[in-house]
Amino acid sequence: MITEITEKEYESLDHAAPKLIEFYSKTCGPCKMLSFVLKDIAKQKPEFPIYIIDFDENRDLKERLGVKGFPTMLFFKDGTEASRLEGLKQKPAIIKAIEAIA
């Protein structure tokens, strides 16, 4: 399942649970292409939470997490960032990062 969240909602997440958080921009072409890949992954792995955060509307959070551009995917496990993928990535690379933390 893919859920769009804000900075406030990010703060209330269970940070111990594995998850993928993608920072995107509504005007970003690669972000739009990545959204199709993430939807496919969400169907394949419905138990794995995927959250998307608007880069432009959540500037404090993106700065705190060190996100410099978009799309950026952060993979969290046990409350810490386990890995990061920047730019448009193909499904196998994203699945590999998910399986490393799931």
N, C-alpha and C. Protein backbone atom coordinates (compact mmCIF):
# COMPACT_ATOMS: atom_id res chain seq x y z
N MET A 1 0.84 -1.18 0.00
CA MET A 1 0.00 0.00 0.00
C MET A 1 0.89 1.25 0.00
N ILE A 2 0.50 2.23 -0.79
CA ILE A 2 1.21 3.50 -0.84
C ILE A 2 0.34 4.56 -0.16
N THR A 3 0.95 5.27 0.78
CA THR A 3 0.22 6.30 1.53
C THR A 3 1.00 7.60 1.46
N GLU A 4 0.32 8.67 1.06
CA GLU A 4 0.97 9.98 1.09
C GLU A 4 0.84 10.56 2.49
N ILE A 5 1.96 11.05 3.02
CA ILE A 5 1.97 11.60 4.37
C ILE A 5 2.67 12.96 4.40
N THR A 6 2.43 13.66 5.49
CA THR A 6 3.09 14.95 5.73
C THR A 6 4.15 14.75 6.80
N GLU A 7 4.88 15.81 7.09
CA GLU A 7 5.90 15.75 8.13
C GLU A 7 5.30 15.35 9.47
N LYS A 8 4.16 15.91 9.80
CA LYS A 8 3.50 15.60 11.07
C LYS A 8 3.13 14.11 11.13
N GLU A 9 2.61 13.57 10.04
CA GLU A 9 2.26 12.16 10.00
C GLU A 9 3.51 11.28 10.05
N TYR A 10 4.60 11.73 9.46
CA TYR A 10 5.86 11.00 9.52
C TYR A 10 6.28 10.82 10.98
N GLU A 11 6.13 11.86 11.76
CA GLU A 11 6.54 11.81 13.17
C GLU A 11 5.75 10.76 13.95
N SER A 12 4.52 10.46 13.53
CA SER A 12 3.69 9.52 14.28
C SER A 12 3.82 8.07 13.77
N LEU A 13 4.66 7.83 12.77
CA LEU A 13 4.85 6.47 12.26
C LEU A 13 5.56 5.59 13.30
N ASP A 14 5.34 4.29 13.18
CA ASP A 14 6.09 3.32 13.97
C ASP A 14 7.48 3.21 13.34
N HIS A 15 8.45 3.88 13.92
CA HIS A 15 9.77 3.95 13.30
C HIS A 15 10.59 2.67 13.47
N ALA A 16 10.13 1.75 14.28
CA ALA A 16 10.84 0.48 14.43
C ALA A 16 10.54 -0.46 13.26
N ALA A 17 9.39 -0.26 12.62
CA ALA A 17 8.97 -1.15 11.53
C ALA A 17 9.68 -0.79 10.22
N PRO A 18 10.05 -1.79 9.42
CA PRO A 18 10.66 -1.52 8.12
C PRO A 18 9.68 -0.76 7.22
N LYS A 19 10.22 0.16 6.41
CA LYS A 19 9.37 0.95 5.53
C LYS A 19 10.21 1.62 4.46
N LEU A 20 9.55 2.04 3.40
CA LEU A 20 10.14 2.83 2.33
C LEU A 20 9.45 4.18 2.34
N ILE A 21 10.25 5.24 2.33
CA ILE A 21 9.72 6.59 2.24
C ILE A 21 10.34 7.24 1.01
N GLU A 22 9.47 7.69 0.10
CA GLU A 22 9.95 8.34 -1.11
C GLU A 22 9.60 9.82 -1.06
N PHE A 23 10.59 10.66 -1.32
CA PHE A 23 10.37 12.10 -1.48
C PHE A 23 10.22 12.36 -2.97
N TYR A 24 9.15 13.07 -3.34
CA TYR A 24 8.88 13.33 -4.74
C TYR A 24 8.44 14.78 -4.91
N SER A 25 8.36 15.20 -6.17
CA SER A 25 7.81 16.51 -6.50
C SER A 25 6.76 16.31 -7.58
N LYS A 26 5.68 17.06 -7.50
CA LYS A 26 4.59 16.94 -8.46
C LYS A 26 5.03 17.33 -9.87
N THR A 27 6.09 18.12 -10.00
CA THR A 27 6.55 18.57 -11.31
C THR A 27 7.71 17.74 -11.86
N CYS A 28 8.06 16.67 -11.19
CA CYS A 28 9.23 15.85 -11.54
C CYS A 28 8.83 14.68 -12.44
N GLY A 29 9.36 14.68 -13.67
CA GLY A 29 9.09 13.59 -14.61
C GLY A 29 9.54 12.23 -14.10
N PRO A 30 10.80 12.09 -13.62
CA PRO A 30 11.24 10.80 -13.09
C PRO A 30 10.39 10.34 -11.89
N CYS A 31 9.90 11.28 -11.09
CA CYS A 31 9.04 10.92 -9.96
C CYS A 31 7.74 10.28 -10.45
N LYS A 32 7.19 10.85 -11.52
CA LYS A 32 5.96 10.30 -12.09
C LYS A 32 6.20 8.89 -12.63
N MET A 33 7.34 8.67 -13.28
CA MET A 33 7.66 7.33 -13.78
C MET A 33 7.87 6.36 -12.61
N LEU A 34 8.53 6.83 -11.56
CA LEU A 34 8.78 5.99 -10.39
C LEU A 34 7.47 5.59 -9.71
N SER A 35 6.47 6.46 -9.77
CA SER A 35 5.20 6.14 -9.11
C SER A 35 4.59 4.87 -9.69
N PHE A 36 4.76 4.63 -10.99
CA PHE A 36 4.25 3.40 -11.60
C PHE A 36 5.00 2.18 -11.08
N VAL A 37 6.31 2.32 -10.90
CA VAL A 37 7.12 1.22 -10.37
C VAL A 37 6.71 0.92 -8.93
N LEU A 38 6.52 1.97 -8.13
CA LEU A 38 6.13 1.77 -6.73
C LEU A 38 4.74 1.14 -6.61
N LYS A 39 3.82 1.53 -7.50
CA LYS A 39 2.48 0.91 -7.48
C LYS A 39 2.58 -0.57 -7.77
N ASP A 40 3.44 -0.95 -8.70
CA ASP A 40 3.64 -2.35 -9.03
C ASP A 40 4.24 -3.11 -7.84
N ILE A 41 5.20 -2.50 -7.18
CA ILE A 41 5.82 -3.11 -6.00
C ILE A 41 4.80 -3.26 -4.88
N ALA A 42 3.95 -2.25 -4.70
CA ALA A 42 2.92 -2.30 -3.66
C ALA A 42 1.95 -3.46 -3.89
N LYS A 43 1.66 -3.76 -5.16
CA LYS A 43 0.80 -4.91 -5.47
C LYS A 43 1.52 -6.21 -5.18
N GLN A 44 2.81 -6.25 -5.48
CA GLN A 44 3.62 -7.46 -5.28
C GLN A 44 3.91 -7.70 -3.80
N LYS A 45 4.07 -6.64 -3.03
CA LYS A 45 4.42 -6.74 -1.61
C LYS A 45 3.44 -5.90 -0.79
N PRO A 46 2.16 -6.31 -0.73
CA PRO A 46 1.16 -5.48 -0.06
C PRO A 46 1.40 -5.31 1.44
N GLU A 47 2.19 -6.20 2.04
CA GLU A 47 2.46 -6.10 3.48
C GLU A 47 3.54 -5.07 3.81
N PHE A 48 4.27 -4.61 2.79
CA PHE A 48 5.38 -3.68 3.03
C PHE A 48 4.90 -2.24 2.85
N PRO A 49 5.02 -1.41 3.90
CA PRO A 49 4.52 -0.03 3.79
C PRO A 49 5.42 0.88 2.95
N ILE A 50 4.78 1.59 2.04
CA ILE A 50 5.44 2.59 1.21
C ILE A 50 4.76 3.92 1.47
N TYR A 51 5.55 4.91 1.85
CA TYR A 51 5.02 6.24 2.11
C TYR A 51 5.65 7.22 1.13
N ILE A 52 4.86 8.17 0.66
CA ILE A 52 5.40 9.21 -0.21
C ILE A 52 5.19 10.57 0.45
N ILE A 53 6.19 11.43 0.29
CA ILE A 53 6.18 12.75 0.92
C ILE A 53 6.53 13.78 -0.15
N ASP A 54 5.72 14.82 -0.23
CA ASP A 54 5.96 15.89 -1.19
C ASP A 54 7.19 16.69 -0.74
N PHE A 55 8.21 16.67 -1.57
CA PHE A 55 9.49 17.34 -1.31
C PHE A 55 9.28 18.83 -1.05
N ASP A 56 8.42 19.46 -1.85
CA ASP A 56 8.24 20.91 -1.79
C ASP A 56 7.43 21.36 -0.57
N GLU A 57 6.53 20.51 -0.09
CA GLU A 57 5.64 20.90 1.00
C GLU A 57 6.16 20.49 2.37
N ASN A 58 7.24 19.75 2.43
CA ASN A 58 7.77 19.25 3.70
C ASN A 58 9.27 19.53 3.79
N ARG A 59 9.62 20.78 3.62
CA ARG A 59 11.03 21.18 3.54
C ARG A 59 11.83 20.90 4.82
N ASP A 60 11.23 21.12 5.98
CA ASP A 60 11.95 20.87 7.22
C ASP A 60 12.34 19.40 7.35
N LEU A 61 11.41 18.52 7.02
CA LEU A 61 11.68 17.09 7.11
C LEU A 61 12.75 16.66 6.10
N LYS A 62 12.65 17.14 4.87
CA LYS A 62 13.65 16.76 3.86
C LYS A 62 15.03 17.23 4.26
N GLU A 63 15.12 18.40 4.86
CA GLU A 63 16.43 18.90 5.31
C GLU A 63 16.95 18.07 6.48
N ARG A 64 16.07 17.74 7.40
CA ARG A 64 16.47 16.94 8.57
C ARG A 64 16.97 15.55 8.16
N LEU A 65 16.34 14.98 7.10
CA LEU A 65 16.74 13.66 6.64
C LEU A 65 17.84 13.71 5.58
N GLY A 66 18.28 14.91 5.22
CA GLY A 66 19.37 15.05 4.27
C GLY A 66 19.00 14.75 2.83
N VAL A 67 17.74 14.96 2.49
CA VAL A 67 17.28 14.72 1.13
C VAL A 67 17.60 15.95 0.29
N LYS A 68 18.40 15.76 -0.75
CA LYS A 68 18.86 16.89 -1.56
C LYS A 68 18.07 17.05 -2.86
N GLY A 69 17.52 15.97 -3.39
CA GLY A 69 16.81 16.03 -4.65
C GLY A 69 15.69 15.02 -4.69
N PHE A 70 15.08 14.89 -5.84
CA PHE A 70 13.96 13.97 -5.97
C PHE A 70 14.02 13.28 -7.32
N PRO A 71 13.53 12.07 -7.41
CA PRO A 71 13.02 11.27 -6.31
C PRO A 71 14.16 10.71 -5.44
N THR A 72 13.89 10.61 -4.17
CA THR A 72 14.81 9.98 -3.22
C THR A 72 14.01 8.98 -2.40
N MET A 73 14.51 7.75 -2.32
CA MET A 73 13.86 6.71 -1.53
C MET A 73 14.73 6.37 -0.34
N LEU A 74 14.13 6.42 0.84
CA LEU A 74 14.81 6.08 2.08
C LEU A 74 14.21 4.78 2.60
N PHE A 75 15.06 3.86 2.98
CA PHE A 75 14.62 2.56 3.50
C PHE A 75 14.99 2.52 4.97
N PHE A 76 13.99 2.36 5.83
CA PHE A 76 14.20 2.38 7.27
C PHE A 76 13.97 1.02 7.89
N LYS A 77 14.80 0.70 8.88
CA LYS A 77 14.64 -0.52 9.67
C LYS A 77 15.12 -0.22 11.08
N ASP A 78 14.37 -0.66 12.05
CA ASP A 78 14.72 -0.47 13.47
C ASP A 78 14.97 0.99 13.82
N GLY A 79 14.20 1.87 13.19
CA GLY A 79 14.27 3.29 13.53
C GLY A 79 15.39 4.07 12.89
N THR A 80 16.20 3.42 12.05
CA THR A 80 17.29 4.14 11.39
C THR A 80 17.25 3.89 9.88
N GLU A 81 17.88 4.80 9.18
CA GLU A 81 17.96 4.65 7.72
C GLU A 81 18.93 3.53 7.39
N ALA A 82 18.43 2.51 6.69
CA ALA A 82 19.25 1.36 6.32
C ALA A 82 19.92 1.57 4.97
N SER A 83 19.22 2.25 4.06
CA SER A 83 19.79 2.53 2.75
C SER A 83 19.00 3.65 2.08
N ARG A 84 19.55 4.11 0.94
CA ARG A 84 18.97 5.24 0.22
C ARG A 84 19.24 5.04 -1.27
N LEU A 85 18.22 5.31 -2.07
CA LEU A 85 18.35 5.30 -3.51
C LEU A 85 17.91 6.67 -4.03
N GLU A 86 18.73 7.29 -4.86
CA GLU A 86 18.41 8.61 -5.39
C GLU A 86 18.23 8.52 -6.89
N GLY A 87 17.26 9.25 -7.40
CA GLY A 87 16.98 9.24 -8.83
C GLY A 87 16.05 8.11 -9.19
N LEU A 88 15.71 8.05 -10.46
CA LEU A 88 14.83 7.00 -10.98
C LEU A 88 15.55 5.67 -10.96
N LYS A 89 14.99 4.69 -10.28
CA LYS A 89 15.58 3.35 -10.19
C LYS A 89 14.59 2.34 -10.74
N GLN A 90 15.12 1.24 -11.21
CA GLN A 90 14.28 0.17 -11.74
C GLN A 90 13.80 -0.72 -10.60
N LYS A 91 12.76 -1.44 -10.87
CA LYS A 91 12.11 -2.31 -9.88
C LYS A 91 13.08 -3.26 -9.19
N PRO A 92 13.98 -3.98 -9.90
CA PRO A 92 14.87 -4.92 -9.20
C PRO A 92 15.72 -4.27 -8.11
N ALA A 93 16.20 -3.06 -8.33
CA ALA A 93 17.02 -2.37 -7.32
C ALA A 93 16.19 -2.03 -6.10
N ILE A 94 14.95 -1.64 -6.31
CA ILE A 94 14.08 -1.28 -5.18
C ILE A 94 13.68 -2.52 -4.40
N ILE A 95 13.34 -3.59 -5.11
CA ILE A 95 13.00 -4.86 -4.45
C ILE A 95 14.17 -5.36 -3.62
N LYS A 96 15.37 -5.27 -4.15
CA LYS A 96 16.57 -5.71 -3.43
C LYS A 96 16.73 -4.92 -2.13
N ALA A 97 16.51 -3.61 -2.17
CA ALA A 97 16.62 -2.78 -0.96
C ALA A 97 15.53 -3.13 0.04
N ILE A 98 14.34 -3.41 -0.45
CA ILE A 98 13.23 -3.81 0.45
C ILE A 98 13.55 -5.15 1.11
N GLU A 99 13.99 -6.11 0.32
CA GLU A 99 14.27 -7.44 0.86
C GLU A 99 15.42 -7.43 1.85
N ALA A 100 16.32 -6.46 1.74
CA ALA A 100 17.43 -6.35 2.69
C ALA A 100 16.98 -5.92 4.08
N ILE A 101 15.80 -5.29 4.16
CA ILE A 101 15.33 -4.81 5.47
C ILE A 101 14.06 -5.50 5.95
N ALA A 102 13.39 -6.23 5.07
CA ALA A 102 12.11 -6.85 5.45
C ALA A 102 12.30 -8.10 6.26
